[in-house]
Amino acid sequence: MNNLELTRHEIREKALQALFPLDFNAELSKQDAIYYTLELDQREWVSEDEESFVPLYLDMLVEGVCVKKEELDTYIQKYLKGWSLTRIAKIDLVIMRIALFEMLYVEEVPSKVAVNEAIELTKKFSDDTSRKFVNGVLSNAMKEIDSKDA
């Protein structure tokens, strides 16, 4: 196994790339989606015997978002102000799910970091309108989540 380390930001990108096809393909397993995503850029990280290096944080994010998807979508829906989930670009929805999962279930990630990371992902994978939209939804969610923790 290689000693290469992914940053949390890179792991969030990989989680997005793994979760996006899972929304469209019910036949795809979480593990296959993660392996495919890692193989896209890190072929050298996957050994010949298919014993792949999967960062624990990546596995936890993908698994967590898959398991908590309905709850995360309910949270997102609360802040859509007349919009429905089906009107949101899939990539933006997946980005918001990742950020909300971190805000709700990953104690060592401050909500502000989760929101900032989501904005960075929209800059790379979406557009400026989406960035503003995602920021608005997540900022409102963060206020509620952080007030519960206070």
C-alpha atoms as a PDB file:
ATOM      1  CA  MET A   1       0.000   0.000   0.000  1.00  0.00           C
ATOM      2  CA  ASN A   2       1.229   3.449  -0.865  1.00  0.00           C
ATOM      3  CA  ASN A   3       1.847   6.034   1.798  1.00  0.00           C
ATOM      4  CA  LEU A   4       0.131   8.690  -0.256  1.00  0.00           C
ATOM      5  CA  GLU A   5      -2.278  10.784   1.738  1.00  0.00           C
ATOM      6  CA  LEU A   6      -5.301  12.605   0.471  1.00  0.00           C
ATOM      7  CA  THR A   7      -6.236  15.896   2.083  1.00  0.00           C
ATOM      8  CA  ARG A   8      -9.737  16.232   3.498  1.00  0.00           C
ATOM      9  CA  HIS A   9     -10.540  18.516   0.555  1.00  0.00           C
ATOM     10  CA  GLU A  10      -9.419  15.858  -1.934  1.00  0.00           C
ATOM     11  CA  ILE A  11     -11.421  13.251  -0.018  1.00  0.00           C
ATOM     12  CA  ARG A  12     -14.547  15.428  -0.273  1.00  0.00           C
ATOM     13  CA  GLU A  13     -13.983  15.641  -4.046  1.00  0.00           C
ATOM     14  CA  LYS A  14     -13.693  11.851  -4.224  1.00  0.00           C
ATOM     15  CA  ALA A  15     -16.829  11.462  -2.080  1.00  0.00           C
ATOM     16  CA  LEU A  16     -18.702  13.742  -4.491  1.00  0.00           C
ATOM     17  CA  GLN A  17     -17.447  11.736  -7.467  1.00  0.00           C
ATOM     18  CA  ALA A  18     -18.509   8.469  -5.800  1.00  0.00           C
ATOM     19  CA  LEU A  19     -21.908   9.689  -4.572  1.00  0.00           C
ATOM     20  CA  PHE A  20     -22.971  11.355  -7.818  1.00  0.00           C
ATOM     21  CA  PRO A  21     -23.336   8.114  -9.862  1.00  0.00           C
ATOM     22  CA  LEU A  22     -24.935   6.350  -6.881  1.00  0.00           C
ATOM     23  CA  ASP A  23     -27.883   8.744  -7.268  1.00  0.00           C
ATOM     24  CA  PHE A  24     -28.489   7.514 -10.819  1.00  0.00           C
ATOM     25  CA  ASN A  25     -27.528   3.840 -10.691  1.00  0.00           C
ATOM     26  CA  ALA A  26     -29.253   1.729  -8.051  1.00  0.00           C
ATOM     27  CA  GLU A  27     -27.211  -1.298  -9.148  1.00  0.00           C
ATOM     28  CA  LEU A  28     -23.909   0.374  -8.274  1.00  0.00           C
ATOM     29  CA  SER A  29     -22.501  -0.545  -4.872  1.00  0.00           C
ATOM     30  CA  LYS A  30     -20.950   2.036  -2.571  1.00  0.00           C
ATOM     31  CA  GLN A  31     -17.646   0.150  -2.705  1.00  0.00           C
ATOM     32  CA  ASP A  32     -17.619   0.004  -6.514  1.00  0.00           C
ATOM     33  CA  ALA A  33     -18.346   3.732  -6.712  1.00  0.00           C
ATOM     34  CA  ILE A  34     -15.453   4.511  -4.340  1.00  0.00           C
ATOM     35  CA  TYR A  35     -13.028   2.199  -6.157  1.00  0.00           C
ATOM     36  CA  TYR A  36     -13.994   3.620  -9.540  1.00  0.00           C
ATOM     37  CA  THR A  37     -13.487   7.173  -8.251  1.00  0.00           C
ATOM     38  CA  LEU A  38     -10.069   6.359  -6.801  1.00  0.00           C
ATOM     39  CA  GLU A  39      -9.020   4.559  -9.960  1.00  0.00           C
ATOM     40  CA  LEU A  40      -9.835   7.611 -12.076  1.00  0.00           C
ATOM     41  CA  ASP A  41      -6.945   9.608 -10.650  1.00  0.00           C
ATOM     42  CA  GLN A  42      -5.017   7.214  -8.459  1.00  0.00           C
ATOM     43  CA  ARG A  43      -4.548   4.042 -10.467  1.00  0.00           C
ATOM     44  CA  GLU A  44      -1.256   3.590  -8.684  1.00  0.00           C
ATOM     45  CA  TRP A  45      -3.132   3.390  -5.374  1.00  0.00           C
ATOM     46  CA  VAL A  46      -5.006   0.277  -6.396  1.00  0.00           C
ATOM     47  CA  SER A  47      -2.820  -2.804  -6.233  1.00  0.00           C
ATOM     48  CA  GLU A  48      -2.916  -5.622  -8.779  1.00  0.00           C
ATOM     49  CA  ASP A  49      -4.774  -7.976  -6.447  1.00  0.00           C
ATOM     50  CA  GLU A  50      -7.552  -5.344  -6.202  1.00  0.00           C
ATOM     51  CA  GLU A  51      -6.865  -4.693  -2.540  1.00  0.00           C
ATOM     52  CA  SER A  52      -7.513  -0.999  -2.792  1.00  0.00           C
ATOM     53  CA  PHE A  53      -6.422   1.778  -0.537  1.00  0.00           C
ATOM     54  CA  VAL A  54      -9.582   3.553   0.555  1.00  0.00           C
ATOM     55  CA  PRO A  55      -9.151   6.425   3.001  1.00  0.00           C
ATOM     56  CA  LEU A  56     -11.336   5.861   6.047  1.00  0.00           C
ATOM     57  CA  TYR A  57     -12.769   9.366   5.867  1.00  0.00           C
ATOM     58  CA  LEU A  58     -13.841   8.790   2.255  1.00  0.00           C
ATOM     59  CA  ASP A  59     -15.551   5.529   3.172  1.00  0.00           C
ATOM     60  CA  MET A  60     -17.239   7.196   6.150  1.00  0.00           C
ATOM     61  CA  LEU A  61     -18.509  10.145   4.063  1.00  0.00           C
ATOM     62  CA  VAL A  62     -19.889   7.995   1.251  1.00  0.00           C
ATOM     63  CA  GLU A  63     -21.447   5.461   3.630  1.00  0.00           C
ATOM     64  CA  GLY A  64     -22.854   8.182   5.889  1.00  0.00           C
ATOM     65  CA  VAL A  65     -24.422  10.169   3.071  1.00  0.00           C
ATOM     66  CA  CYS A  66     -25.926   6.987   1.590  1.00  0.00           C
ATOM     67  CA  VAL A  67     -27.384   5.868   4.922  1.00  0.00           C
ATOM     68  CA  LYS A  68     -28.627   9.336   5.974  1.00  0.00           C
ATOM     69  CA  LYS A  69     -29.742  10.490   2.505  1.00  0.00           C
ATOM     70  CA  GLU A  70     -33.448  10.858   3.362  1.00  0.00           C
ATOM     71  CA  GLU A  71     -32.708  12.774   6.560  1.00  0.00           C
ATOM     72  CA  LEU A  72     -30.221  15.038   4.751  1.00  0.00           C
ATOM     73  CA  ASP A  73     -32.739  15.691   1.958  1.00  0.00           C
ATOM     74  CA  THR A  74     -35.398  16.602   4.542  1.00  0.00           C
ATOM     75  CA  TYR A  75     -32.969  19.121   6.051  1.00  0.00           C
ATOM     76  CA  ILE A  76     -32.181  20.591   2.626  1.00  0.00           C
ATOM     77  CA  GLN A  77     -35.879  20.794   1.707  1.00  0.00           C
ATOM     78  CA  LYS A  78     -36.523  22.962   4.799  1.00  0.00           C
ATOM     79  CA  TYR A  79     -34.310  25.706   3.372  1.00  0.00           C
ATOM     80  CA  LEU A  80     -35.376  25.633  -0.281  1.00  0.00           C
ATOM     81  CA  LYS A  81     -38.055  28.327   0.045  1.00  0.00           C
ATOM     82  CA  GLY A  82     -40.604  27.042  -2.434  1.00  0.00           C
ATOM     83  CA  TRP A  83     -38.217  24.901  -4.480  1.00  0.00           C
ATOM     84  CA  SER A  84     -38.335  21.134  -4.592  1.00  0.00           C
ATOM     85  CA  LEU A  85     -35.339  18.822  -4.420  1.00  0.00           C
ATOM     86  CA  THR A  86     -36.028  17.700  -7.990  1.00  0.00           C
ATOM     87  CA  ARG A  87     -35.322  21.228  -9.288  1.00  0.00           C
ATOM     88  CA  ILE A  88     -31.810  21.288  -7.826  1.00  0.00           C
ATOM     89  CA  ALA A  89     -28.906  20.230 -10.016  1.00  0.00           C
ATOM     90  CA  LYS A  90     -27.877  16.725  -8.868  1.00  0.00           C
ATOM     91  CA  ILE A  91     -24.263  17.773  -8.341  1.00  0.00           C
ATOM     92  CA  ASP A  92     -25.347  20.640  -6.046  1.00  0.00           C
ATOM     93  CA  LEU A  93     -27.647  18.322  -4.108  1.00  0.00           C
ATOM     94  CA  VAL A  94     -24.819  15.831  -3.526  1.00  0.00           C
ATOM     95  CA  ILE A  95     -22.485  18.663  -2.426  1.00  0.00           C
ATOM     96  CA  MET A  96     -25.084  19.861   0.097  1.00  0.00           C
ATOM     97  CA  ARG A  97     -25.619  16.317   1.399  1.00  0.00           C
ATOM     98  CA  ILE A  98     -21.886  15.924   2.064  1.00  0.00           C
ATOM     99  CA  ALA A  99     -21.687  19.280   3.874  1.00  0.00           C
ATOM    100  CA  LEU A 100     -24.795  18.597   5.963  1.00  0.00           C
ATOM    101  CA  PHE A 101     -23.559  15.143   6.875  1.00  0.00           C
ATOM    102  CA  GLU A 102     -20.328  16.683   8.155  1.00  0.00           C
ATOM    103  CA  MET A 103     -22.203  19.413  10.066  1.00  0.00           C
ATOM    104  CA  LEU A 104     -24.518  16.908  11.728  1.00  0.00           C
ATOM    105  CA  TYR A 105     -22.302  13.856  12.267  1.00  0.00           C
ATOM    106  CA  VAL A 106     -18.592  14.720  12.103  1.00  0.00           C
ATOM    107  CA  GLU A 107     -17.737  16.484  15.349  1.00  0.00           C
ATOM    108  CA  GLU A 108     -14.156  17.369  14.408  1.00  0.00           C
ATOM    109  CA  VAL A 109     -15.330  19.344  11.353  1.00  0.00           C
ATOM    110  CA  PRO A 110     -16.716  22.767  12.295  1.00  0.00           C
ATOM    111  CA  SER A 111     -19.898  23.704  10.407  1.00  0.00           C
ATOM    112  CA  LYS A 112     -18.154  26.722   8.879  1.00  0.00           C
ATOM    113  CA  VAL A 113     -15.475  24.437   7.393  1.00  0.00           C
ATOM    114  CA  ALA A 114     -18.145  22.123   5.942  1.00  0.00           C
ATOM    115  CA  VAL A 115     -19.899  25.106   4.306  1.00  0.00           C
ATOM    116  CA  ASN A 116     -16.618  26.534   2.957  1.00  0.00           C
ATOM    117  CA  GLU A 117     -15.658  23.144   1.524  1.00  0.00           C
ATOM    118  CA  ALA A 118     -19.069  22.860  -0.151  1.00  0.00           C
ATOM    119  CA  ILE A 119     -18.556  26.282  -1.731  1.00  0.00           C
ATOM    120  CA  GLU A 120     -15.132  25.181  -3.009  1.00  0.00           C
ATOM    121  CA  LEU A 121     -16.705  22.051  -4.530  1.00  0.00           C
ATOM    122  CA  THR A 122     -19.360  24.140  -6.301  1.00  0.00           C
ATOM    123  CA  LYS A 123     -16.634  26.429  -7.665  1.00  0.00           C
ATOM    124  CA  LYS A 124     -14.946  23.400  -9.207  1.00  0.00           C
ATOM    125  CA  PHE A 125     -17.909  21.220 -10.237  1.00  0.00           C
ATOM    126  CA  SER A 126     -20.796  23.669 -10.726  1.00  0.00           C
ATOM    127  CA  ASP A 127     -21.291  27.381 -11.461  1.00  0.00           C
ATOM    128  CA  ASP A 128     -21.514  30.756  -9.729  1.00  0.00           C
ATOM    129  CA  THR A 129     -25.309  30.696  -9.415  1.00  0.00           C
ATOM    130  CA  SER A 130     -25.101  27.268  -7.783  1.00  0.00           C
ATOM    131  CA  ARG A 131     -22.346  28.469  -5.466  1.00  0.00           C
ATOM    132  CA  LYS A 132     -24.580  31.265  -4.152  1.00  0.00           C
ATOM    133  CA  PHE A 133     -27.574  28.927  -3.861  1.00  0.00           C
ATOM    134  CA  VAL A 134     -25.603  26.213  -2.010  1.00  0.00           C
ATOM    135  CA  ASN A 135     -24.073  28.847   0.277  1.00  0.00           C
ATOM    136  CA  GLY A 136     -27.532  30.234   1.133  1.00  0.00           C
ATOM    137  CA  VAL A 137     -29.079  26.854   1.908  1.00  0.00           C
ATOM    138  CA  LEU A 138     -26.099  25.632   3.947  1.00  0.00           C
ATOM    139  CA  SER A 139     -25.655  28.923   5.828  1.00  0.00           C
ATOM    140  CA  ASN A 140     -29.276  28.727   6.994  1.00  0.00           C
ATOM    141  CA  ALA A 141     -28.850  25.075   7.978  1.00  0.00           C
ATOM    142  CA  MET A 142     -25.622  25.950   9.830  1.00  0.00           C
ATOM    143  CA  LYS A 143     -27.413  28.619  11.903  1.00  0.00           C
ATOM    144  CA  GLU A 144     -29.993  26.070  13.032  1.00  0.00           C
ATOM    145  CA  ILE A 145     -27.471  23.279  13.671  1.00  0.00           C
ATOM    146  CA  ASP A 146     -25.056  25.535  15.563  1.00  0.00           C
ATOM    147  CA  SER A 147     -27.858  27.006  17.694  1.00  0.00           C
ATOM    148  CA  LYS A 148     -28.847  23.465  18.749  1.00  0.00           C
ATOM    149  CA  ASP A 149     -25.255  22.733  19.763  1.00  0.00           C
ATOM    150  CA  ALA A 150     -24.901  25.952  21.767  1.00  0.00           C
END
